[in-house]
Protein backbone atom coordinates (compact mmCIF):
# COMPACT_ATOMS: atom_id res chain seq x y z
CA MET A 1 -13.43 131.52 67.99
CA LYS A 2 -14.34 132.88 64.23
CA LYS A 3 -16.73 131.49 62.07
CA LEU A 4 -15.52 129.85 58.41
CA ASP A 5 -16.91 132.23 55.62
CA LEU A 6 -17.57 130.25 52.67
CA SER A 7 -18.67 133.61 50.46
CA LYS A 8 -14.91 134.21 50.46
CA PHE A 9 -13.90 131.48 48.77
CA LYS A 10 -14.12 131.78 45.05
CA LEU A 11 -13.39 128.91 41.84
CA ARG A 12 -11.78 130.35 38.83
CA THR A 13 -10.39 128.90 36.16
CA VAL A 14 -6.81 128.62 35.55
CA SER A 15 -5.20 128.15 32.56
CA ILE A 16 -2.05 125.88 32.22
CA ASP A 17 -0.59 129.25 31.20
CA ASP A 18 -1.10 130.49 34.70
CA ILE A 19 1.06 127.64 36.81
CA ASP A 20 4.81 128.03 37.00
CA ASP A 21 6.68 124.39 36.26
CA ARG A 22 7.30 123.67 40.24
CA MET A 23 3.45 123.99 40.87
CA LEU A 24 2.57 121.81 38.10
CA LEU A 25 5.08 119.27 39.16
CA ILE A 26 4.07 119.46 42.75
CA ASN A 27 0.28 118.82 41.11
CA LEU A 28 1.01 116.34 39.61
CA TYR A 29 2.93 114.43 42.32
CA ALA A 30 0.10 114.94 44.80
CA THR A 31 -2.46 113.86 42.60
CA GLN A 32 -0.77 110.24 41.56
CA ALA A 33 0.13 110.18 45.27
CA VAL A 34 -3.87 110.36 45.93
CA THR A 35 -4.43 108.17 43.08
CA PHE A 36 -2.00 105.51 44.20
CA ILE A 37 -3.32 106.01 48.35
CA ILE A 38 -7.03 105.57 46.90
CA GLY A 39 -6.04 102.80 44.88
CA LEU A 40 -4.56 100.75 47.62
CA ILE A 41 -7.51 101.50 50.12
CA TRP A 42 -10.08 100.12 46.87
CA VAL A 43 -7.96 97.11 46.79
CA PHE A 44 -7.53 96.53 50.47
CA PHE A 45 -11.34 96.90 50.94
CA GLN A 46 -11.94 94.55 48.12
CA ARG A 47 -9.68 91.58 47.92
CA GLY A 48 -7.33 92.15 51.27
CA ASN A 49 -3.63 92.65 50.70
CA PRO A 50 -3.44 95.34 47.81
CA PHE A 51 0.78 94.86 48.07
CA LEU A 52 0.01 91.41 46.47
CA LEU A 53 -1.15 93.40 43.36
CA PHE A 54 2.71 93.73 42.90
CA SER A 55 4.23 90.38 43.70
CA SER A 56 6.60 89.22 41.00
CA PRO A 57 4.56 87.42 37.95
CA GLY A 58 7.27 84.46 37.58
CA ALA A 59 7.60 84.44 34.14
CA TRP A 60 8.62 87.47 31.60
CA ASP A 61 5.84 87.32 29.03
CA PHE A 62 3.95 90.62 30.68
CA LEU A 63 6.40 92.42 29.19
CA TYR A 64 5.55 90.54 25.73
CA TRP A 65 1.65 91.96 26.04
CA GLY A 66 2.85 95.33 27.78
CA ALA A 67 5.22 96.17 24.48
CA GLY A 68 3.06 94.99 22.20
CA LEU A 69 0.18 97.08 23.54
CA ALA A 70 2.44 100.12 23.44
CA ALA A 71 3.97 99.38 20.19
CA ALA A 72 0.17 98.98 18.73
CA VAL A 73 -0.43 102.45 20.69
CA LEU A 74 2.44 104.28 19.77
CA VAL A 75 1.95 103.17 15.91
CA VAL A 76 -1.81 104.45 16.10
CA ASP A 77 -1.20 107.83 17.22
CA LEU A 78 1.81 108.45 15.35
CA LEU A 79 -0.72 107.63 12.43
CA VAL A 80 -3.24 109.83 14.28
CA SER A 81 -0.78 113.15 14.12
CA ARG A 82 0.61 112.31 10.67
CA PHE A 83 -3.52 112.59 9.19
CA VAL A 84 -5.32 114.54 11.87
CA PRO A 85 -5.44 118.35 12.39
CA GLU A 86 -3.41 119.47 15.80
CA GLU A 87 -5.77 121.50 16.87
CA VAL A 88 -8.10 118.16 16.86
CA GLY A 89 -5.65 116.31 19.64
CA ASP A 90 -4.99 119.21 22.12
CA ASP A 91 -4.85 118.49 25.56
CA GLY A 92 -4.71 122.43 25.97
CA GLY A 93 -0.73 121.97 26.64
CA VAL A 94 -0.81 120.27 29.25
CA ASN A 95 1.72 117.36 28.25
CA ASP A 96 3.98 119.90 26.19
CA ARG A 97 4.18 121.39 29.70
CA ILE A 98 4.77 118.47 31.58
CA PHE A 99 7.83 117.14 29.23
CA ARG A 100 9.36 119.80 26.78
CA ASN A 101 12.14 120.73 29.45
CA ARG A 102 12.44 117.56 30.94
CA ALA A 103 15.16 116.14 31.76
CA VAL A 104 14.87 112.52 29.98
CA TRP A 105 15.81 110.64 33.17
CA HIS A 106 12.95 112.75 34.72
CA ILE A 107 10.68 111.71 32.10
CA VAL A 108 11.10 108.17 32.85
CA LEU A 109 10.49 108.58 36.38
CA LEU A 110 7.17 110.49 35.70
CA SER A 111 5.89 108.04 33.32
CA PHE A 112 7.01 105.12 36.29
CA ILE A 113 5.23 107.06 38.77
CA VAL A 114 2.35 107.42 36.65
CA ALA A 115 2.16 103.88 35.59
CA VAL A 116 1.96 102.53 38.76
CA CYS A 117 -0.20 105.07 40.38
CA GLU A 118 -2.88 105.10 37.73
CA GLU A 119 -2.58 101.43 37.08
CA THR A 120 -3.12 100.64 40.88
CA LEU A 121 -6.32 102.45 41.25
CA PHE A 122 -7.87 101.80 37.73
CA ARG A 123 -6.68 98.05 37.08
CA GLY A 124 -6.18 96.99 40.58
CA GLY A 125 -9.25 98.12 42.13
CA VAL A 126 -12.08 99.81 39.95
CA GLN A 127 -11.70 97.04 37.12
CA HIS A 128 -12.27 94.32 39.04
CA LEU A 129 -15.14 95.95 40.77
CA ILE A 130 -16.90 97.14 37.30
CA GLY A 131 -14.87 95.68 34.58
CA PRO A 132 -12.75 97.04 31.70
CA TYR A 133 -15.63 98.79 29.63
CA TRP A 134 -16.78 100.86 32.46
CA THR A 135 -13.66 101.56 34.11
CA SER A 136 -12.14 102.73 30.71
CA ILE A 137 -14.98 105.24 30.51
CA VAL A 138 -14.18 106.63 33.99
CA PHE A 139 -10.46 106.74 33.07
CA ALA A 140 -11.01 108.82 29.60
CA ALA A 141 -13.73 110.99 31.59
CA ILE A 142 -10.92 111.79 34.19
CA HIS A 143 -8.36 112.72 31.77
CA VAL A 144 -10.94 115.67 31.67
CA ARG A 145 -8.07 117.71 29.22
CA TYR A 146 -9.23 115.02 26.48
CA LEU A 147 -12.76 115.72 26.72
CA ARG A 148 -13.29 118.70 24.66
CA HIS A 149 -11.75 116.29 21.05
CA TRP A 150 -13.69 113.30 20.28
CA ILE A 151 -10.11 111.46 18.79
CA PRO A 152 -8.07 111.82 22.04
CA THR A 153 -10.88 110.49 23.88
CA GLY A 154 -11.33 107.53 21.79
CA LEU A 155 -7.59 106.67 22.22
CA VAL A 156 -7.65 107.59 25.82
CA PHE A 157 -10.68 104.90 26.33
CA SER A 158 -9.41 102.41 23.77
CA ILE A 159 -6.13 102.64 25.38
CA SER A 160 -7.08 101.97 28.85
CA TYR A 161 -9.36 99.04 27.48
CA GLY A 162 -6.47 97.66 26.09
CA LEU A 163 -4.76 97.56 29.73
CA GLY A 164 -7.53 96.12 30.60
CA TRP A 165 -7.58 93.35 28.54
CA ILE A 166 -3.66 92.60 28.97
CA TYR A 167 -4.34 92.62 32.74
CA GLU A 168 -7.15 90.17 32.21
CA GLN A 169 -4.75 88.21 29.68
CA THR A 170 -1.87 87.74 31.86
CA ASP A 171 -3.46 88.18 35.36
CA THR A 172 -0.63 90.70 36.97
CA LEU A 173 -0.70 94.15 37.06
CA TRP A 174 2.90 94.79 35.75
CA ALA A 175 1.77 94.26 32.03
CA PRO A 176 -0.56 97.18 32.07
CA ILE A 177 2.40 99.33 34.06
CA ALA A 178 4.52 98.01 31.68
CA ALA A 179 2.59 98.93 28.68
CA HIS A 180 1.59 102.49 30.59
CA PHE A 181 5.01 103.33 31.22
CA LEU A 182 6.52 102.75 27.90
CA ILE A 183 3.52 104.62 26.12
CA ASP A 184 4.21 107.76 28.22
CA THR A 185 8.38 107.53 28.20
CA VAL A 186 8.18 107.28 24.51
CA MET A 187 5.29 110.23 23.95
CA GLY A 188 7.24 112.04 26.59
CA LEU A 189 10.47 111.91 24.32
CA ILE A 190 9.14 112.69 21.51
CA ILE A 191 7.51 115.87 23.12
CA ARG A 192 10.84 116.81 24.89
CA PHE A 193 12.97 115.99 21.36
CA ARG A 194 10.03 117.38 18.88
CA ARG A 195 10.40 120.54 20.30
CA GLU A 196 14.21 121.08 20.34
CA GLN A 197 14.22 121.03 16.82
């Protein structure tokens, strides 16, 4: 039996430009699947049945909360992009690569998957344990591509805190999912169509 020689493994930094579109999508879908699974397991060990998180909220007022937060975030983001130099908000080109050449239906699908997976883990699981403030710090930290600049890091923290706040106000995971979905979809469409002009 062969021994595993760890000295042959080498870590190297990979730029977003070194990854082709297929590998980028595989990576995105795989990380979201892992996020969702961890979220379900986390919720299971904290509260029991994780699928109760997705039960119907009954009334539709959660959509007002989600749409309201999404509108506020988009206005702030547009103001920041108008008055702050572009390099300050640079994420290394990741969002541009994800959305630039994507079909509209695929942007919508990606946004929905990301919203469900990330909100399951962060609002459904982590926030239940450590609250919205610390959850937002963890949420900002995992969006590592923004950590090079304080403005996008602050925006990600603030958005996460807003998502946590509306989750507590509505007591349904569908409110932060709706907000997250709308934010990602609109921003993805802006990137998609801005690049075509």
